[in-house]
Protein backbone atom coordinates (compact mmCIF):
# COMPACT_ATOMS: atom_id res chain seq x y z
CA MET A 1 30.63 -14.71 -4.62
CA ALA A 2 27.35 -15.17 -6.54
CA VAL A 3 28.85 -13.36 -9.54
CA GLY A 4 31.86 -15.60 -9.46
CA ARG A 5 29.74 -18.73 -9.26
CA ALA A 6 27.41 -17.59 -12.06
CA PHE A 7 30.02 -16.46 -14.54
CA GLY A 8 33.12 -18.50 -13.55
CA GLY A 9 36.59 -17.57 -14.81
CA GLY A 10 38.03 -16.72 -18.20
CA ARG A 11 37.92 -13.70 -20.44
CA SER A 12 34.86 -14.87 -22.40
CA CYS A 13 32.87 -15.40 -19.20
CA VAL A 14 33.86 -11.95 -17.92
CA VAL A 15 32.71 -10.33 -21.17
CA GLY A 16 29.54 -12.37 -21.09
CA GLY A 17 28.97 -11.36 -17.47
CA ILE A 18 29.29 -7.66 -18.36
CA VAL A 19 26.83 -8.05 -21.24
CA LEU A 20 24.32 -9.86 -19.00
CA ALA A 21 24.75 -7.23 -16.26
CA LEU A 22 24.07 -4.41 -18.75
CA ARG A 23 21.03 -6.30 -20.08
CA ALA A 24 19.68 -6.80 -16.57
CA ALA A 25 20.29 -3.14 -15.69
CA LEU A 26 18.42 -2.05 -18.82
CA LEU A 27 15.47 -4.28 -17.95
CA VAL A 28 15.35 -2.93 -14.39
CA GLY A 29 15.35 0.62 -15.69
CA VAL A 30 12.56 -0.10 -18.15
CA THR A 31 10.50 -1.91 -15.53
CA ALA A 32 10.76 1.02 -13.17
CA GLY A 33 8.68 3.06 -15.61
CA ALA A 34 5.97 0.42 -15.79
CA THR A 35 4.37 0.84 -12.41
CA PRO A 36 2.08 -0.37 -10.83
CA VAL A 37 3.86 -3.72 -11.18
CA GLU A 38 4.90 -4.76 -7.67
CA LYS A 39 8.48 -3.78 -6.98
CA SER A 40 9.32 -7.29 -5.76
CA ASN A 41 8.18 -8.71 -9.09
CA GLN A 42 10.54 -6.58 -11.18
CA LEU A 43 13.63 -8.12 -12.64
CA SER A 44 16.77 -7.15 -10.73
CA PHE A 45 20.37 -8.20 -11.31
CA GLY A 46 20.15 -10.36 -8.19
CA ASP A 47 17.07 -12.09 -9.65
CA VAL A 48 19.03 -12.96 -12.78
CA LEU A 49 21.85 -14.44 -10.71
CA ASP A 50 19.37 -16.42 -8.60
CA ILE A 51 17.68 -17.86 -11.69
CA LEU A 52 21.04 -18.82 -13.21
CA ASP A 53 22.38 -20.32 -9.97
CA GLN A 54 19.22 -22.30 -9.26
CA SER A 55 18.48 -23.50 -12.81
CA ASP A 56 18.89 -27.09 -13.89
CA HIS A 57 21.95 -26.03 -15.90
CA GLY A 58 24.01 -25.31 -12.77
CA ASN A 59 26.74 -22.73 -13.21
CA ASN A 60 26.81 -22.78 -17.00
CA TRP A 61 25.43 -19.31 -17.51
CA GLU A 62 25.36 -19.52 -21.31
CA ALA A 63 23.12 -22.61 -21.20
CA SER A 64 20.97 -20.94 -18.55
CA VAL A 65 20.37 -17.82 -20.60
CA ASP A 66 19.54 -20.05 -23.57
CA PHE A 67 17.04 -21.82 -21.31
CA LEU A 68 15.31 -18.52 -20.51
CA ARG A 69 15.10 -17.64 -24.21
CA ARG A 70 13.92 -21.09 -25.27
CA GLU A 71 11.10 -21.59 -22.75
CA GLY A 72 7.60 -20.35 -23.66
CA SER A 73 6.85 -17.89 -26.45
CA PRO A 74 9.66 -15.95 -28.13
CA ARG A 75 10.19 -12.41 -26.87
CA THR A 76 9.28 -11.06 -30.28
CA THR A 77 5.86 -12.71 -29.95
CA CYS A 78 5.29 -11.11 -26.54
CA ARG A 79 6.31 -7.69 -27.87
CA SER A 80 4.10 -7.98 -30.95
CA ARG A 81 1.15 -8.65 -28.64
CA GLY A 82 1.99 -5.70 -26.41
CA LEU A 83 2.83 -8.00 -23.51
CA CYS A 84 5.78 -8.46 -21.17
CA LYS A 85 7.72 -11.68 -20.75
CA CYS A 86 7.59 -13.45 -17.39
CA PHE A 87 9.59 -16.28 -15.91
CA SER A 88 8.06 -18.61 -13.32
CA LYS A 89 10.51 -19.87 -10.72
CA LEU A 90 7.99 -22.55 -9.67
CA THR A 91 7.23 -24.06 -13.08
CA ARG A 92 10.59 -23.13 -14.69
CA ARG A 93 8.71 -21.71 -17.67
CA ALA A 94 8.74 -18.41 -19.56
CA PHE A 95 5.49 -16.95 -20.85
CA CYS A 96 3.84 -13.76 -22.16
CA CYS A 97 2.24 -11.85 -19.32
CA ASP A 98 0.41 -8.58 -18.69
CA CYS A 99 2.89 -5.80 -17.78
CA LEU A 100 0.61 -4.01 -15.31
CA GLY A 101 -2.03 -6.37 -13.95
CA GLY A 102 -2.27 -9.60 -12.02
CA PRO A 103 -4.51 -12.56 -12.95
CA CYS A 104 -7.40 -14.19 -11.05
CA PHE A 105 -8.99 -17.10 -12.96
CA PRO A 106 -7.89 -18.62 -16.30
CA GLY A 107 -10.23 -18.70 -19.27
CA ASP A 108 -10.89 -22.43 -19.13
CA SER A 109 -12.17 -22.29 -15.53
CA THR A 110 -15.89 -23.09 -15.33
CA VAL A 111 -18.96 -21.88 -13.48
CA LEU A 112 -22.38 -23.48 -13.02
CA THR A 113 -25.44 -21.77 -14.54
CA PRO A 114 -29.10 -22.91 -14.56
CA SER A 115 -28.51 -24.23 -18.06
CA GLY A 116 -25.27 -26.08 -17.28
CA VAL A 117 -21.52 -25.61 -16.97
CA VAL A 118 -20.00 -22.61 -18.77
CA SER A 119 -16.34 -21.62 -19.13
CA LEU A 120 -15.37 -18.10 -18.04
CA ASP A 121 -14.36 -17.13 -21.57
CA ARG A 122 -17.98 -17.78 -22.64
CA LEU A 123 -19.68 -16.18 -19.62
CA SER A 124 -21.66 -12.96 -20.10
CA VAL A 125 -22.86 -10.13 -17.90
CA GLY A 126 -26.41 -10.91 -16.75
CA ASP A 127 -25.89 -14.68 -16.53
CA LEU A 128 -26.94 -16.40 -13.32
CA VAL A 129 -24.14 -18.40 -11.70
CA LEU A 130 -23.91 -20.58 -8.60
CA ALA A 131 -22.58 -18.64 -5.63
CA GLY A 132 -22.71 -18.86 -1.84
CA ASP A 133 -23.78 -16.67 1.05
CA ASP A 134 -22.15 -16.03 4.45
CA ASP A 135 -24.03 -18.97 5.98
CA LYS A 136 -22.51 -21.44 3.48
CA VAL A 137 -25.75 -21.86 1.51
CA ALA A 138 -25.79 -22.17 -2.28
CA ILE A 139 -27.59 -19.37 -4.13
CA TRP A 140 -27.96 -18.10 -7.67
CA SER A 141 -26.39 -14.70 -8.25
CA PRO A 142 -26.26 -12.59 -11.44
CA VAL A 143 -22.99 -11.46 -12.99
CA VAL A 144 -23.16 -7.66 -12.89
CA ALA A 145 -19.78 -6.72 -14.42
CA TRP A 146 -16.28 -7.82 -15.33
CA LEU A 147 -13.69 -6.54 -12.88
CA ASP A 148 -11.06 -7.90 -15.24
CA ARG A 149 -11.22 -9.64 -18.61
CA ARG A 150 -7.97 -10.23 -20.53
CA PRO A 151 -8.31 -13.26 -22.86
CA HIS A 152 -4.84 -13.11 -24.44
CA VAL A 153 -2.47 -12.98 -21.46
CA GLU A 154 -0.82 -15.96 -19.79
CA ALA A 155 -0.19 -16.15 -16.08
CA GLN A 156 1.01 -18.35 -13.26
CA TYR A 157 -1.86 -19.87 -11.29
CA LEU A 158 -2.26 -22.29 -8.39
CA THR A 159 -4.40 -25.40 -8.86
CA LEU A 160 -5.90 -26.55 -5.55
CA ALA A 161 -6.90 -30.23 -5.55
CA THR A 162 -9.61 -31.10 -3.02
CA SER A 163 -10.78 -34.25 -1.25
CA ALA A 164 -14.27 -33.77 -2.80
CA GLY A 165 -12.92 -33.99 -6.33
CA PRO A 166 -13.02 -30.45 -7.79
CA ARG A 167 -9.74 -28.70 -8.63
CA LEU A 168 -9.83 -24.91 -8.44
CA THR A 169 -7.30 -22.84 -10.41
CA LEU A 170 -6.74 -19.23 -9.34
CA SER A 171 -3.99 -16.68 -8.75
CA SER A 172 -2.07 -16.49 -5.49
CA SER A 173 -3.54 -13.07 -4.62
CA HIS A 174 -7.15 -14.17 -5.09
CA VAL A 175 -9.37 -14.70 -2.04
CA LEU A 176 -10.63 -18.19 -1.30
CA LEU A 177 -13.69 -18.72 0.93
CA GLY A 178 -13.99 -21.59 3.37
CA GLY A 179 -13.10 -22.45 6.95
CA GLN A 180 -14.56 -24.81 9.56
CA GLY A 181 -16.79 -22.30 11.34
CA PRO A 182 -20.50 -21.68 10.70
CA ARG A 183 -19.70 -18.65 8.49
CA LEU A 184 -17.33 -18.15 5.59
CA ALA A 185 -13.76 -17.09 6.26
CA SER A 186 -11.46 -15.61 3.62
CA LYS A 187 -7.89 -16.61 2.88
CA PHE A 188 -5.51 -15.68 0.07
CA ALA A 189 -4.82 -18.58 -2.29
CA GLY A 190 -1.07 -18.13 -1.90
CA GLU A 191 -1.44 -18.93 1.83
CA VAL A 192 -3.46 -22.11 1.31
CA LYS A 193 -1.75 -25.40 2.13
CA ALA A 194 -2.72 -29.07 2.18
CA GLY A 195 -5.27 -29.74 4.91
CA ASP A 196 -7.03 -26.36 4.73
CA VAL A 197 -10.82 -26.46 4.47
CA VAL A 198 -12.72 -25.09 1.46
CA VAL A 199 -16.36 -25.27 0.33
CA ALA A 200 -16.62 -27.59 -2.67
CA MET A 201 -19.26 -29.28 -4.80
CA GLY A 202 -18.60 -33.03 -4.48
CA GLU A 203 -20.71 -36.04 -5.31
CA GLU A 204 -22.56 -35.54 -2.05
CA GLY A 205 -22.38 -31.73 -2.10
CA ALA A 206 -25.08 -29.15 -2.45
CA VAL A 207 -28.17 -29.37 -4.60
CA GLU A 208 -28.25 -26.38 -6.94
CA PRO A 209 -30.67 -23.67 -5.80
CA SER A 210 -33.60 -22.67 -7.91
CA PRO A 211 -33.06 -19.55 -10.04
CA PHE A 212 -36.62 -18.59 -9.21
CA GLY A 213 -36.00 -18.39 -5.45
CA ASP A 214 -38.42 -21.15 -4.43
CA GLY A 215 -36.40 -22.05 -1.34
CA SER A 216 -34.51 -25.05 -2.71
CA ALA A 217 -31.08 -23.82 -1.59
CA ARG A 218 -29.11 -26.38 0.47
CA PRO A 219 -26.09 -26.20 2.75
CA LEU A 220 -22.71 -26.81 1.18
CA SER A 221 -20.17 -29.44 2.13
CA PRO A 222 -16.60 -28.71 3.33
CA ALA A 223 -13.61 -30.34 1.66
CA ASN A 224 -9.90 -30.48 2.39
CA VAL A 225 -7.20 -29.19 0.08
CA THR A 226 -4.98 -32.17 -0.77
CA GLU A 227 -2.39 -30.56 -3.06
CA VAL A 228 -1.30 -27.14 -4.40
CA ILE A 229 0.17 -27.22 -7.92
CA PRO A 230 1.64 -24.20 -9.80
CA VAL A 231 0.59 -24.03 -13.47
CA ILE A 232 0.77 -21.61 -16.42
CA LYS A 233 -2.56 -20.94 -18.14
CA LYS A 234 -4.09 -18.53 -20.62
CA GLY A 235 -6.57 -15.79 -19.82
CA ALA A 236 -7.34 -13.62 -16.80
CA TYR A 237 -11.01 -13.33 -15.84
CA VAL A 238 -12.76 -11.84 -12.80
CA PRO A 239 -16.59 -11.82 -12.98
CA LEU A 240 -18.34 -9.77 -10.31
CA THR A 241 -21.60 -11.20 -8.96
CA LYS A 242 -24.25 -9.42 -6.91
CA SER A 243 -23.34 -11.59 -3.91
CA GLY A 244 -19.56 -11.05 -4.32
CA THR A 245 -19.00 -14.83 -4.35
CA ILE A 246 -18.88 -17.44 -7.09
CA PHE A 247 -18.32 -21.18 -7.53
CA VAL A 248 -15.41 -21.66 -9.92
CA ASP A 249 -14.36 -25.18 -10.92
CA GLY A 250 -16.74 -26.48 -8.25
CA VAL A 251 -15.11 -24.58 -5.34
CA LEU A 252 -16.46 -21.46 -3.61
CA ALA A 253 -14.30 -18.37 -4.09
CA SER A 254 -14.55 -14.63 -3.64
CA CYS A 255 -14.91 -12.33 -6.61
CA TYR A 256 -12.07 -10.25 -5.21
CA ALA A 257 -8.30 -10.29 -4.94
CA SER A 258 -5.44 -8.29 -3.38
CA VAL A 259 -7.33 -7.43 -0.16
CA THR A 260 -9.62 -9.40 2.19
CA HIS A 261 -13.11 -10.30 1.02
CA ASP A 262 -15.07 -8.07 3.43
CA LEU A 263 -12.96 -5.03 2.66
CA ALA A 264 -13.18 -5.48 -1.10
CA HIS A 265 -16.91 -6.27 -0.90
CA ALA A 266 -17.57 -2.95 0.87
CA ALA A 267 -15.30 -0.94 -1.45
CA LEU A 268 -16.96 -2.34 -4.59
CA SER A 269 -20.56 -2.02 -3.39
CA PRO A 270 -21.20 0.90 -5.83
CA ILE A 271 -20.20 -1.36 -8.73
CA ARG A 272 -22.48 -4.17 -7.58
CA TRP A 273 -25.51 -1.90 -7.26
CA ALA A 274 -24.88 0.52 -10.15
CA PRO A 275 -22.47 -1.19 -12.56
CA GLU A 276 -23.63 0.79 -15.58
CA TRP A 277 -22.18 4.01 -14.15
CA ALA A 278 -18.72 2.61 -13.48
CA VAL A 279 -18.31 0.09 -16.26
CA GLY A 280 -19.49 2.10 -19.24
CA GLY A 281 -18.54 0.37 -22.49
CA GLN A 282 -15.75 -1.77 -21.04
CA ARG A 283 -15.45 -5.14 -22.75
CA GLU A 284 -11.85 -6.14 -22.05
CA GLY A 285 -9.09 -5.13 -19.69
CA THR A 286 -9.14 -4.17 -16.02
CA MET A 287 -11.95 -1.91 -14.82
CA PRO A 288 -10.41 1.56 -14.17
CA PHE A 289 -12.27 1.86 -10.86
CA VAL A 290 -10.63 -1.37 -9.72
CA SER A 291 -7.18 -0.11 -10.76
CA LEU A 292 -7.76 3.02 -8.71
CA LEU A 293 -8.83 1.03 -5.63
CA LYS A 294 -5.76 -1.22 -5.86
CA TRP A 295 -3.51 1.83 -6.11
CA VAL A 296 -5.15 3.41 -3.06
CA ALA A 297 -5.01 0.12 -1.13
CA ARG A 298 -1.22 0.03 -1.40
CA TRP A 299 -1.00 3.20 0.63
CA VAL A 300 -3.90 3.04 3.10
CA VAL A 301 -4.73 -0.64 3.71
CA PRO A 302 -2.70 -2.33 6.51
CA ARG A 303 -0.32 -5.02 5.28
CA HIS A 304 -2.13 -7.84 7.12
CA LEU A 305 -5.28 -7.12 5.09
CA ARG A 306 -3.43 -7.30 1.76
CA ALA A 307 -2.26 -10.31 -0.23
CA PRO A 308 1.41 -11.20 0.26
CA LYS A 309 3.68 -10.21 -2.61
CA ASP A 310 4.30 -13.05 -5.04
CA THR A 311 8.02 -13.16 -5.73
CA SER A 312 7.89 -16.45 -7.64
CA VAL A 313 7.35 -14.70 -10.98
CA THR A 314 9.94 -12.40 -12.52
CA VAL A 315 8.47 -9.71 -14.80
CA ILE A 316 10.57 -8.61 -17.78
CA VAL A 317 9.33 -5.51 -19.60
CA PRO A 318 10.53 -5.36 -23.23
CA ALA A 319 11.96 -1.96 -24.23
CA GLU A 320 9.70 -1.67 -27.28
CA GLY A 321 6.54 -2.41 -25.32
CA ARG A 322 7.19 -0.59 -22.02
CA MET A 323 4.40 1.38 -20.46
CA SER A 324 5.18 5.06 -19.98
CA PRO A 325 4.34 6.95 -16.75
CA LEU A 326 1.74 8.85 -18.82
CA ALA A 327 -0.06 5.59 -19.65
CA THR A 328 -0.11 4.62 -15.99
CA MET A 329 -1.40 8.07 -15.01
CA SER A 330 -4.08 7.81 -17.69
CA GLY A 331 -5.41 4.61 -16.10
CA ILE A 332 -5.49 6.26 -12.67
CA LEU A 333 -7.32 9.30 -14.06
CA ASP A 334 -9.87 6.98 -15.72
CA GLY A 335 -10.49 5.42 -12.31
CA LEU A 336 -10.82 8.82 -10.66
CA GLY A 337 -13.28 9.85 -13.34
CA ALA A 338 -15.40 6.74 -12.71
CA ALA A 339 -15.35 7.43 -8.96
CA VAL A 340 -16.41 11.03 -9.44
CA GLN A 341 -19.21 9.95 -11.74
CA LEU A 342 -20.46 7.49 -9.13
CA MET A 343 -20.49 10.21 -6.44
CA VAL A 344 -22.28 12.71 -8.71
CA THR A 345 -24.98 10.26 -9.74
CA SER A 346 -25.60 9.13 -6.17
CA VAL A 347 -26.33 12.66 -4.94
């Protein structure tokens, strides 16, 4: 019935339907070789029909396909940059995305340093940034590494407006820290709704702590989320601090994604205490050790401790730019090598 609704009657529509079906089948086959993209995020023939049926163009499939081609950057631009093309069902926009990795914070998000506000695309390893501890107290914490740093990709993010004023933008799989109890509780951004409590820097919020540790840290103030807005932004940045927490856009967040804060904090403790052994000369991209941990987490971490799959973004892998299984295996081997090096140096 969905095929009939999408393509209608007539010989031209039948031919067009066959062409679109072959195109979708080809994209599915290509995407299958580009793991570790989540299976639910791959383009399937059913996804194509859903997009066409639910688009503003109704059942006019030709106009709908034109809509997909027209929105965002041209496919040739994505391919020339070595990126995939994604379609957001929430924002109704197409954009160039990373084929293998998910985002966390966009490049224009900001952090607070002792010398003032700095955007993530200008932040450096070694900088002190405002963070928080388990008792909801503001502290300064150094950036020890980049878990992920991809300046050129675009991604779908969620902007969380708060009653205190700040608006945090992050990916749905990233961990947000807040709660009404005396200690911090973690929650995936994709599960946050209006009314949830976060820790934010408002007009009457915390006084910044001293970078010299003279005891001037102050308790932080809770704030309510008032609205959740999907947006498309450029850049994917994940700074790792010694504390594992960081204030981004004036709201306290974890440095981790995909799994709960405590689990990720324990798993990445070697990176926080000996980043030079795991990071090496990495300047951009996802840290191989992180890629390895995410791959392992899919198989050993219980589902309730992992971020829910985001099915609101359809990932299209262009044939010319598809990642081969050998490329994926190379990334895993890099992560294994970093893990072995950590174990050897710790003996």
